[in-house]
Amino acid sequence: MTVATEAVDRLHTTAESHDRVMILEVMGRNAGWIALYSGLAGGADIILIPEIAYRPEAIVESIRSRSQEGSKFDIIVVAEGAKRVGGEERYIDRHAQRLGGIAYQVAEEIAREIELEIRVTVLGHTQRGGSPIAFDRLLATRFGKAAADLIAGGECGKMVALRGNEIVSVPIIDAVANPKYVDPNGEMVATARSLGVSFGDGR
């Protein structure tokens, strides 16, 4: 999350200096959490996620609306699994089921309709690196101790998790049974919309 947020921060400078639309592609095959959180934390103008299909004309309208208000740049954060209304996911390697290239597709879809230059940045695997913060290190220590206790106690098929501020064990089958997707009507999306963020759906 931190790497993606810092990337949004850095792109603001070049976007504003050169009157550009900057499109940042981040991980998010099925769920748009990284795009949503980094976009909101970094002050993105448009966030595209798998849970909310976008319309290119709505993106263009959002850019034009900001331009009429005096803005000369836009930051778009797009999850790799985002897709347009009626469209499909974009693959860079369909055989290997590797998603990618959606940022370039969005750039192509809006380029004919706007006058600003468009630049694309794809973070890729750099999002998975970086130094852990103190909280991460302490949490990893607590997880390690709890996992060792499970093994010592002969408890198999379980994983450790953080619930509130408490370390708990949960059956792995339960943990993977219900993936956590962004709720299009949830609090985080509503917060973003209230701040003027567009999700490319015309709302």
Foldseek 3Di string as FASTA:
>chain_A
DVVLLVVLQVVVVVCQVQLAEEEEEEAAQPAQPVQLVSCVNNVFQEEAHQVAAADLVLVLVSVVVVVVVPGSYGYYYYHQNHHHVVGGRAAPDVVVPHTDDVSVVSCVSCVVPDDHHYDYDYCPPVVVDDDDDPVVVVVVVVQVVVVVVCVVVVNPQWGWDQDPNDIDIDRVCVVPVDDDHDDCPDDSVVVCVVVNHHNNHND
